[in-house]
Structures are given as C-alpha cells and as structure tokens.
C-alpha cells in the first residue's frame, strides 16, 4: 500500500508543480515576489499531499526561534522535502542551492526568478566569492539565508559532514545563525520511492550569536544540530 500511495504522491508533486508553474509564470517573469509566491503555493501543496496521500504530518517545533528578517539559517538535510519547507515557514527565504538543480524543468527557472543563491561547486574559490556576494545582497533585502551545511542529503544517523561554506557566511554576514534539526529522512528518505507514514519534525533551535571564531562556530553548530536531530530519531512522535 505504501508503494502505491508513494507513486500517487510523486505524481502529485510534479503535477502540482507543473500547474502552479504555468499559473504563476506570468507573474514570475516580471516579479521576484511572484516567483516566491509560487514556491509558497507549491510548498503548501506538497505538505498537504504528504499528509493526505502518505500519512506524513509536518510538525514545526521551536517557533519562538524562527528568525524574522535578515538571518542565517543552517539546517540538517535528509530529504527533498527539506528544500521546500522553508517557504512554508520563513517570511522570505533565499535557499543556497547547487547549480545542477537549475537544470530541472520548471523548478530551475523559478529558483532563479525567486532569487535563490546558486553555487557552482566546481568553481571552488570563485563559487565561494559569488555565494557571499549574493548572500549579502539577499540579506540587504531582509531575506533569510537558508543553507544546508553538509551540502547534500544524508541518511538519518549518518556521520555528519559539515562543509566550511556556512562558516564563511557566518563570518561575512555577521548575522545570528539559527540551527535547524529534523528527522524528515525517517518518513521521506533521501533516495528511493517509498514514503512512510509518520511525523516529520523540523525544530528551530536557539540562534548562535555573531562573533565566534570559525572553529568555535563550526563546533557549536554541529553539536546543536546533531544532538537535536539524534534526539528526534531516538524519540519520534
């Protein structure tokens, strides 16, 4: 049964993306806000479909820690769902994405129009400079900079692999960094077809204030995210 429901859900994901993309395309051509609204609408459709079709309920914890206005938000990454949820929770997120995602039909075009921060990982130092430049621009527009410090999806419980890009953003932007823990990979795995019924928890943690050294910041960020994410795996609801 889970396989059939998962197949229907996949059809829902891409079918709703197509309908929403066509509907909002005229607005997105002329307006960044139009593209962002398309992302919000798709996020709502995805969350509804996950619950109605696969029995996946989204639970947001730590709402008192959700930043408003310019901030750095660093999250665990376990699922495709992680990249969509920010638009359902944050006011105006700009998500750091790898350049390969721009090749995806509809999604890639809207990501560009919505002002996402696109990283060419093959460009190394040039990619870092471009990411910092774009992040400063988005922060100046009162947007939250949303990044996955590990850079790619990891299975729940996998050894952490935090990259230095988040530390560069923390140092350059001089903004508080809000860590985000989650357990979404338990119900929506990084790879494979089947989605499992359950509660997908995303938990916002107290912000790390600016001013720490690179080593102190990375240690604190990893400790907070990994400790909270592990607790969600140990005590699922």
C-alpha atoms as a PDB file:
ATOM      1  CA  UNK A   1       0.000   0.000   0.000  1.00  0.00           C
ATOM      2  CA  UNK A   2       2.830   2.408   0.850  1.00  0.00           C
ATOM      3  CA  UNK A   3       4.314   1.877  -2.604  1.00  0.00           C
ATOM      4  CA  UNK A   4       1.065   2.748  -4.368  1.00  0.00           C
ATOM      5  CA  UNK A   5       0.481   5.800  -2.171  1.00  0.00           C
ATOM      6  CA  UNK A   6       4.052   6.914  -2.773  1.00  0.00           C
ATOM      7  CA  UNK A   7       3.617   6.661  -6.549  1.00  0.00           C
ATOM      8  CA  UNK A   8       0.441   8.723  -6.389  1.00  0.00           C
ATOM      9  CA  UNK A   9       2.262  11.262  -4.231  1.00  0.00           C
ATOM     10  CA  UNK A  10       5.118  11.566  -6.727  1.00  0.00           C
ATOM     11  CA  UNK A  11       2.572  12.242  -9.460  1.00  0.00           C
ATOM     12  CA  UNK A  12       1.022  14.861  -7.157  1.00  0.00           C
ATOM     13  CA  UNK A  13       4.404  16.524  -6.543  1.00  0.00           C
ATOM     14  CA  UNK A  14       5.269  17.009 -10.192  1.00  0.00           C
ATOM     15  CA  UNK A  15       1.698  17.525 -11.360  1.00  0.00           C
ATOM     16  CA  UNK A  16       1.123  20.314  -8.832  1.00  0.00           C
ATOM     17  CA  UNK A  17       4.498  21.835  -9.692  1.00  0.00           C
ATOM     18  CA  UNK A  18       3.509  21.948 -13.354  1.00  0.00           C
ATOM     19  CA  UNK A  19       0.098  23.503 -12.718  1.00  0.00           C
ATOM     20  CA  UNK A  20       1.479  26.048 -10.255  1.00  0.00           C
ATOM     21  CA  UNK A  21       4.405  26.806 -12.536  1.00  0.00           C
ATOM     22  CA  UNK A  22       2.156  27.546 -15.511  1.00  0.00           C
ATOM     23  CA  UNK A  23      -0.202  29.600 -13.348  1.00  0.00           C
ATOM     24  CA  UNK A  24       2.488  31.769 -11.763  1.00  0.00           C
ATOM     25  CA  UNK A  25       4.839  32.059 -14.755  1.00  0.00           C
ATOM     26  CA  UNK A  26       3.359  35.373 -15.974  1.00  0.00           C
ATOM     27  CA  UNK A  27       3.882  36.903 -12.527  1.00  0.00           C
ATOM     28  CA  UNK A  28       7.345  35.424 -12.085  1.00  0.00           C
ATOM     29  CA  UNK A  29       8.558  36.879 -15.397  1.00  0.00           C
ATOM     30  CA  UNK A  30       8.172  40.398 -14.030  1.00  0.00           C
ATOM     31  CA  UNK A  31       8.317  39.926 -10.265  1.00  0.00           C
ATOM     32  CA  UNK A  32      10.587  38.123  -7.835  1.00  0.00           C
ATOM     33  CA  UNK A  33       7.674  38.178  -5.390  1.00  0.00           C
ATOM     34  CA  UNK A  34       5.580  36.278  -7.932  1.00  0.00           C
ATOM     35  CA  UNK A  35       8.187  33.521  -8.108  1.00  0.00           C
ATOM     36  CA  UNK A  36       8.417  33.337  -4.319  1.00  0.00           C
ATOM     37  CA  UNK A  37       4.635  33.101  -4.053  1.00  0.00           C
ATOM     38  CA  UNK A  38       4.745  30.192  -6.496  1.00  0.00           C
ATOM     39  CA  UNK A  39       7.248  28.465  -4.193  1.00  0.00           C
ATOM     40  CA  UNK A  40       4.979  29.092  -1.184  1.00  0.00           C
ATOM     41  CA  UNK A  41       1.992  27.666  -3.024  1.00  0.00           C
ATOM     42  CA  UNK A  42       3.920  24.573  -4.084  1.00  0.00           C
ATOM     43  CA  UNK A  43       5.192  24.098  -0.518  1.00  0.00           C
ATOM     44  CA  UNK A  44       1.608  24.155   0.757  1.00  0.00           C
ATOM     45  CA  UNK A  45       0.556  21.669  -1.931  1.00  0.00           C
ATOM     46  CA  UNK A  46       3.452  19.361  -1.121  1.00  0.00           C
ATOM     47  CA  UNK A  47       2.742  19.420   2.626  1.00  0.00           C
ATOM     48  CA  UNK A  48      -0.964  18.745   2.016  1.00  0.00           C
ATOM     49  CA  UNK A  49      -0.192  15.895  -0.380  1.00  0.00           C
ATOM     50  CA  UNK A  50       2.313  14.315   2.006  1.00  0.00           C
ATOM     51  CA  UNK A  51      -0.316  14.184   4.746  1.00  0.00           C
ATOM     52  CA  UNK A  52      -3.331  13.231   2.632  1.00  0.00           C
ATOM     53  CA  UNK A  53      -1.610  10.671   0.412  1.00  0.00           C
ATOM     54  CA  UNK A  54       1.235   9.281   2.520  1.00  0.00           C
ATOM     55  CA  UNK A  55       0.191   9.936   6.098  1.00  0.00           C
ATOM     56  CA  UNK A  56       3.148  12.265   6.727  1.00  0.00           C
ATOM     57  CA  UNK A  57       2.284  15.017   9.199  1.00  0.00           C
ATOM     58  CA  UNK A  58       4.597  18.037   9.451  1.00  0.00           C
ATOM     59  CA  UNK A  59       5.340  19.281  12.979  1.00  0.00           C
ATOM     60  CA  UNK A  60       7.264  22.531  13.476  1.00  0.00           C
ATOM     61  CA  UNK A  61       8.907  22.971  16.874  1.00  0.00           C
ATOM     62  CA  UNK A  62      10.771  25.921  18.352  1.00  0.00           C
ATOM     63  CA  UNK A  63       8.667  28.525  16.573  1.00  0.00           C
ATOM     64  CA  UNK A  64       9.893  31.118  19.052  1.00  0.00           C
ATOM     65  CA  UNK A  65      13.359  30.743  17.494  1.00  0.00           C
ATOM     66  CA  UNK A  66      12.243  31.305  13.889  1.00  0.00           C
ATOM     67  CA  UNK A  67      14.093  34.415  12.662  1.00  0.00           C
ATOM     68  CA  UNK A  68      12.268  37.381  11.181  1.00  0.00           C
ATOM     69  CA  UNK A  69      14.251  39.468   8.741  1.00  0.00           C
ATOM     70  CA  UNK A  70      17.890  39.001   7.723  1.00  0.00           C
ATOM     71  CA  UNK A  71      19.475  35.961   9.379  1.00  0.00           C
ATOM     72  CA  UNK A  72      21.485  32.859   8.603  1.00  0.00           C
ATOM     73  CA  UNK A  73      19.597  29.563   8.962  1.00  0.00           C
ATOM     74  CA  UNK A  74      21.553  26.285   8.847  1.00  0.00           C
ATOM     75  CA  UNK A  75      19.630  23.010   8.625  1.00  0.00           C
ATOM     76  CA  UNK A  76      20.175  19.279   8.597  1.00  0.00           C
ATOM     77  CA  UNK A  77      19.475  17.844   5.136  1.00  0.00           C
ATOM     78  CA  UNK A  78      17.807  14.437   4.727  1.00  0.00           C
ATOM     79  CA  UNK A  79      15.155  14.807   2.040  1.00  0.00           C
ATOM     80  CA  UNK A  80      13.823  16.740  -0.934  1.00  0.00           C
ATOM     81  CA  UNK A  81      11.141  17.995   1.436  1.00  0.00           C
ATOM     82  CA  UNK A  82      13.780  19.988   3.352  1.00  0.00           C
ATOM     83  CA  UNK A  83      14.310  22.320   0.396  1.00  0.00           C
ATOM     84  CA  UNK A  84      10.603  23.181   0.110  1.00  0.00           C
ATOM     85  CA  UNK A  85       9.631  23.579   3.780  1.00  0.00           C
ATOM     86  CA  UNK A  86      11.425  26.931   4.277  1.00  0.00           C
ATOM     87  CA  UNK A  87       8.874  28.611   2.008  1.00  0.00           C
ATOM     88  CA  UNK A  88       6.034  27.408   4.222  1.00  0.00           C
ATOM     89  CA  UNK A  89       7.646  28.658   7.450  1.00  0.00           C
ATOM     90  CA  UNK A  90      10.020  31.570   6.880  1.00  0.00           C
ATOM     91  CA  UNK A  91       8.983  35.020   5.728  1.00  0.00           C
ATOM     92  CA  UNK A  92      11.271  35.394   2.703  1.00  0.00           C
ATOM     93  CA  UNK A  93      13.964  32.709   2.434  1.00  0.00           C
ATOM     94  CA  UNK A  94      16.767  32.581  -0.097  1.00  0.00           C
ATOM     95  CA  UNK A  95      17.991  28.985  -0.217  1.00  0.00           C
ATOM     96  CA  UNK A  96      21.571  28.073  -1.141  1.00  0.00           C
ATOM     97  CA  UNK A  97      21.268  25.535  -3.980  1.00  0.00           C
ATOM     98  CA  UNK A  98      23.751  23.630  -6.101  1.00  0.00           C
ATOM     99  CA  UNK A  99      23.850  24.742  -9.739  1.00  0.00           C
ATOM    100  CA  UNK A 100      22.753  21.320 -11.025  1.00  0.00           C
ATOM    101  CA  UNK A 101      19.230  21.964  -9.733  1.00  0.00           C
ATOM    102  CA  UNK A 102      18.788  24.764 -12.268  1.00  0.00           C
ATOM    103  CA  UNK A 103      18.626  22.106 -14.973  1.00  0.00           C
ATOM    104  CA  UNK A 104      15.363  20.759 -13.562  1.00  0.00           C
ATOM    105  CA  UNK A 105      12.329  21.779 -15.641  1.00  0.00           C
ATOM    106  CA  UNK A 106      10.162  24.488 -14.042  1.00  0.00           C
ATOM    107  CA  UNK A 107      11.946  24.233 -10.670  1.00  0.00           C
ATOM    108  CA  UNK A 108      15.219  25.597 -12.029  1.00  0.00           C
ATOM    109  CA  UNK A 109      13.638  28.585 -13.755  1.00  0.00           C
ATOM    110  CA  UNK A 110      11.582  29.533 -10.706  1.00  0.00           C
ATOM    111  CA  UNK A 111      14.624  29.136  -8.437  1.00  0.00           C
ATOM    112  CA  UNK A 112      16.447  31.740 -10.493  1.00  0.00           C
ATOM    113  CA  UNK A 113      13.462  34.075 -10.631  1.00  0.00           C
ATOM    114  CA  UNK A 114      12.911  33.758  -6.848  1.00  0.00           C
ATOM    115  CA  UNK A 115      16.441  34.891  -6.042  1.00  0.00           C
ATOM    116  CA  UNK A 116      17.899  31.660  -4.724  1.00  0.00           C
ATOM    117  CA  UNK A 117      21.659  31.575  -4.140  1.00  0.00           C
ATOM    118  CA  UNK A 118      23.128  29.226  -6.723  1.00  0.00           C
ATOM    119  CA  UNK A 119      26.535  27.632  -6.101  1.00  0.00           C
ATOM    120  CA  UNK A 120      28.784  26.143  -8.768  1.00  0.00           C
ATOM    121  CA  UNK A 121      30.712  23.686  -6.627  1.00  0.00           C
ATOM    122  CA  UNK A 122      33.291  23.100  -9.356  1.00  0.00           C
ATOM    123  CA  UNK A 123      34.397  26.754  -9.251  1.00  0.00           C
ATOM    124  CA  UNK A 124      35.816  26.473  -5.697  1.00  0.00           C
ATOM    125  CA  UNK A 125      37.111  29.918  -4.558  1.00  0.00           C
ATOM    126  CA  UNK A 126      35.107  31.750  -7.222  1.00  0.00           C
ATOM    127  CA  UNK A 127      31.965  29.918  -6.104  1.00  0.00           C
ATOM    128  CA  UNK A 128      32.563  30.997  -2.502  1.00  0.00           C
ATOM    129  CA  UNK A 129      33.008  34.632  -3.515  1.00  0.00           C
ATOM    130  CA  UNK A 130      29.821  34.530  -5.591  1.00  0.00           C
ATOM    131  CA  UNK A 131      27.864  32.909  -2.758  1.00  0.00           C
ATOM    132  CA  UNK A 132      28.997  35.579  -0.285  1.00  0.00           C
ATOM    133  CA  UNK A 133      28.177  38.377  -2.727  1.00  0.00           C
ATOM    134  CA  UNK A 134      24.695  37.017  -3.386  1.00  0.00           C
ATOM    135  CA  UNK A 135      24.089  36.354   0.311  1.00  0.00           C
ATOM    136  CA  UNK A 136      24.961  39.962   1.186  1.00  0.00           C
ATOM    137  CA  UNK A 137      22.545  41.133  -1.496  1.00  0.00           C
ATOM    138  CA  UNK A 138      19.692  38.948  -0.184  1.00  0.00           C
ATOM    139  CA  UNK A 139      20.352  39.902   3.445  1.00  0.00           C
ATOM    140  CA  UNK A 140      20.217  43.583   2.452  1.00  0.00           C
ATOM    141  CA  UNK A 141      16.720  42.840   1.149  1.00  0.00           C
ATOM    142  CA  UNK A 142      15.694  41.478   4.573  1.00  0.00           C
ATOM    143  CA  UNK A 143      15.750  37.854   3.446  1.00  0.00           C
ATOM    144  CA  UNK A 144      16.781  34.806   5.470  1.00  0.00           C
ATOM    145  CA  UNK A 145      19.790  32.942   4.039  1.00  0.00           C
ATOM    146  CA  UNK A 146      18.963  29.223   4.294  1.00  0.00           C
ATOM    147  CA  UNK A 147      21.822  26.747   3.869  1.00  0.00           C
ATOM    148  CA  UNK A 148      22.416  23.024   4.334  1.00  0.00           C
ATOM    149  CA  UNK A 149      25.923  22.896   5.882  1.00  0.00           C
ATOM    150  CA  UNK A 150      26.532  19.321   4.716  1.00  0.00           C
ATOM    151  CA  UNK A 151      25.777  20.302   1.133  1.00  0.00           C
ATOM    152  CA  UNK A 152      23.886  17.140   0.244  1.00  0.00           C
ATOM    153  CA  UNK A 153      21.266  14.809   1.692  1.00  0.00           C
ATOM    154  CA  UNK A 154      22.332  12.395   4.398  1.00  0.00           C
ATOM    155  CA  UNK A 155      20.527   9.362   5.778  1.00  0.00           C
ATOM    156  CA  UNK A 156      19.232   9.707   9.363  1.00  0.00           C
ATOM    157  CA  UNK A 157      22.004   8.807  11.769  1.00  0.00           C
ATOM    158  CA  UNK A 158      24.779   9.069   9.163  1.00  0.00           C
ATOM    159  CA  UNK A 159      28.098  10.572  10.331  1.00  0.00           C
ATOM    160  CA  UNK A 160      27.988  14.380   9.959  1.00  0.00           C
ATOM    161  CA  UNK A 161      29.978  16.011   7.161  1.00  0.00           C
ATOM    162  CA  UNK A 162      29.806  19.777   7.628  1.00  0.00           C
ATOM    163  CA  UNK A 163      31.414  21.987   4.982  1.00  0.00           C
ATOM    164  CA  UNK A 164      33.111  25.350   5.562  1.00  0.00           C
ATOM    165  CA  UNK A 165      30.727  27.420   3.410  1.00  0.00           C
ATOM    166  CA  UNK A 166      28.375  28.053   6.320  1.00  0.00           C
ATOM    167  CA  UNK A 167      31.280  29.398   8.412  1.00  0.00           C
ATOM    168  CA  UNK A 168      32.190  31.812   5.612  1.00  0.00           C
ATOM    169  CA  UNK A 169      28.604  33.094   5.550  1.00  0.00           C
ATOM    170  CA  UNK A 170      28.552  33.438   9.342  1.00  0.00           C
ATOM    171  CA  UNK A 171      31.790  35.435   9.336  1.00  0.00           C
ATOM    172  CA  UNK A 172      30.924  37.587   6.334  1.00  0.00           C
ATOM    173  CA  UNK A 173      27.282  38.412   7.119  1.00  0.00           C
ATOM    174  CA  UNK A 174      27.826  38.955  10.859  1.00  0.00           C
ATOM    175  CA  UNK A 175      24.273  37.760  11.491  1.00  0.00           C
ATOM    176  CA  UNK A 176      22.860  35.345  14.075  1.00  0.00           C
ATOM    177  CA  UNK A 177      22.734  31.756  12.830  1.00  0.00           C
ATOM    178  CA  UNK A 178      19.668  29.666  13.650  1.00  0.00           C
ATOM    179  CA  UNK A 179      20.398  25.895  13.647  1.00  0.00           C
ATOM    180  CA  UNK A 180      17.626  23.581  12.454  1.00  0.00           C
ATOM    181  CA  UNK A 181      17.294  19.912  13.379  1.00  0.00           C
ATOM    182  CA  UNK A 182      14.949  17.448  11.706  1.00  0.00           C
ATOM    183  CA  UNK A 183      14.042  13.795  11.251  1.00  0.00           C
ATOM    184  CA  UNK A 184      12.349  14.001   7.860  1.00  0.00           C
ATOM    185  CA  UNK A 185      14.532  11.275   6.379  1.00  0.00           C
ATOM    186  CA  UNK A 186      12.695   8.723   8.526  1.00  0.00           C
ATOM    187  CA  UNK A 187       9.472   9.245   6.588  1.00  0.00           C
ATOM    188  CA  UNK A 188      10.820  10.685   3.321  1.00  0.00           C
ATOM    189  CA  UNK A 189      14.192   9.027   2.588  1.00  0.00           C
ATOM    190  CA  UNK A 190      16.875  10.807   0.590  1.00  0.00           C
ATOM    191  CA  UNK A 191      16.675   8.112  -2.076  1.00  0.00           C
ATOM    192  CA  UNK A 192      14.114   5.569  -3.158  1.00  0.00           C
ATOM    193  CA  UNK A 193      10.433   5.545  -3.967  1.00  0.00           C
ATOM    194  CA  UNK A 194       8.615   4.733  -0.729  1.00  0.00           C
ATOM    195  CA  UNK A 195       7.418   7.397   1.728  1.00  0.00           C
ATOM    196  CA  UNK A 196       6.372   6.149   5.167  1.00  0.00           C
ATOM    197  CA  UNK A 197       3.537   7.391   7.404  1.00  0.00           C
ATOM    198  CA  UNK A 198       4.723   9.285  10.441  1.00  0.00           C
ATOM    199  CA  UNK A 199       5.576  12.697  11.856  1.00  0.00           C
ATOM    200  CA  UNK A 200       8.157  14.801  10.027  1.00  0.00           C
ATOM    201  CA  UNK A 201       9.624  17.120  12.657  1.00  0.00           C
ATOM    202  CA  UNK A 202      11.555  20.299  11.900  1.00  0.00           C
ATOM    203  CA  UNK A 203      12.909  22.007  15.006  1.00  0.00           C
ATOM    204  CA  UNK A 204      14.309  25.538  15.147  1.00  0.00           C
ATOM    205  CA  UNK A 205      16.969  25.906  17.845  1.00  0.00           C
ATOM    206  CA  UNK A 206      18.227  28.994  19.691  1.00  0.00           C
ATOM    207  CA  UNK A 207      20.373  31.216  17.470  1.00  0.00           C
ATOM    208  CA  UNK A 208      24.162  31.310  17.661  1.00  0.00           C
ATOM    209  CA  UNK A 209      25.215  34.919  18.119  1.00  0.00           C
ATOM    210  CA  UNK A 210      27.774  36.507  15.777  1.00  0.00           C
ATOM    211  CA  UNK A 211      31.421  36.867  16.733  1.00  0.00           C
ATOM    212  CA  UNK A 212      32.642  33.327  17.344  1.00  0.00           C
ATOM    213  CA  UNK A 213      35.814  32.085  15.680  1.00  0.00           C
ATOM    214  CA  UNK A 214      35.427  29.716  12.751  1.00  0.00           C
ATOM    215  CA  UNK A 215      36.378  26.708  14.872  1.00  0.00           C
ATOM    216  CA  UNK A 216      34.072  27.684  17.735  1.00  0.00           C
ATOM    217  CA  UNK A 217      31.167  28.329  15.392  1.00  0.00           C
ATOM    218  CA  UNK A 218      31.502  25.081  13.454  1.00  0.00           C
ATOM    219  CA  UNK A 219      31.798  23.046  16.640  1.00  0.00           C
ATOM    220  CA  UNK A 220      28.766  24.747  18.196  1.00  0.00           C
ATOM    221  CA  UNK A 221      26.646  24.472  15.047  1.00  0.00           C
ATOM    222  CA  UNK A 222      27.388  20.791  14.521  1.00  0.00           C
ATOM    223  CA  UNK A 223      26.867  19.951  18.185  1.00  0.00           C
ATOM    224  CA  UNK A 224      23.477  21.674  18.336  1.00  0.00           C
ATOM    225  CA  UNK A 225      22.120  20.267  15.066  1.00  0.00           C
ATOM    226  CA  UNK A 226      23.415  16.739  15.539  1.00  0.00           C
ATOM    227  CA  UNK A 227      22.351  16.471  19.186  1.00  0.00           C
ATOM    228  CA  UNK A 228      18.816  17.677  18.457  1.00  0.00           C
ATOM    229  CA  UNK A 229      18.476  15.617  15.258  1.00  0.00           C
ATOM    230  CA  UNK A 230      19.642  12.479  17.046  1.00  0.00           C
ATOM    231  CA  UNK A 231      17.115  13.132  19.815  1.00  0.00           C
ATOM    232  CA  UNK A 232      14.353  13.312  17.214  1.00  0.00           C
ATOM    233  CA  UNK A 233      15.416   9.928  15.855  1.00  0.00           C
ATOM    234  CA  UNK A 234      15.556   8.413  19.329  1.00  0.00           C
ATOM    235  CA  UNK A 235      12.181   9.792  20.393  1.00  0.00           C
ATOM    236  CA  UNK A 236       9.967  10.017  17.301  1.00  0.00           C
ATOM    237  CA  UNK A 237       6.332  11.050  17.765  1.00  0.00           C
END
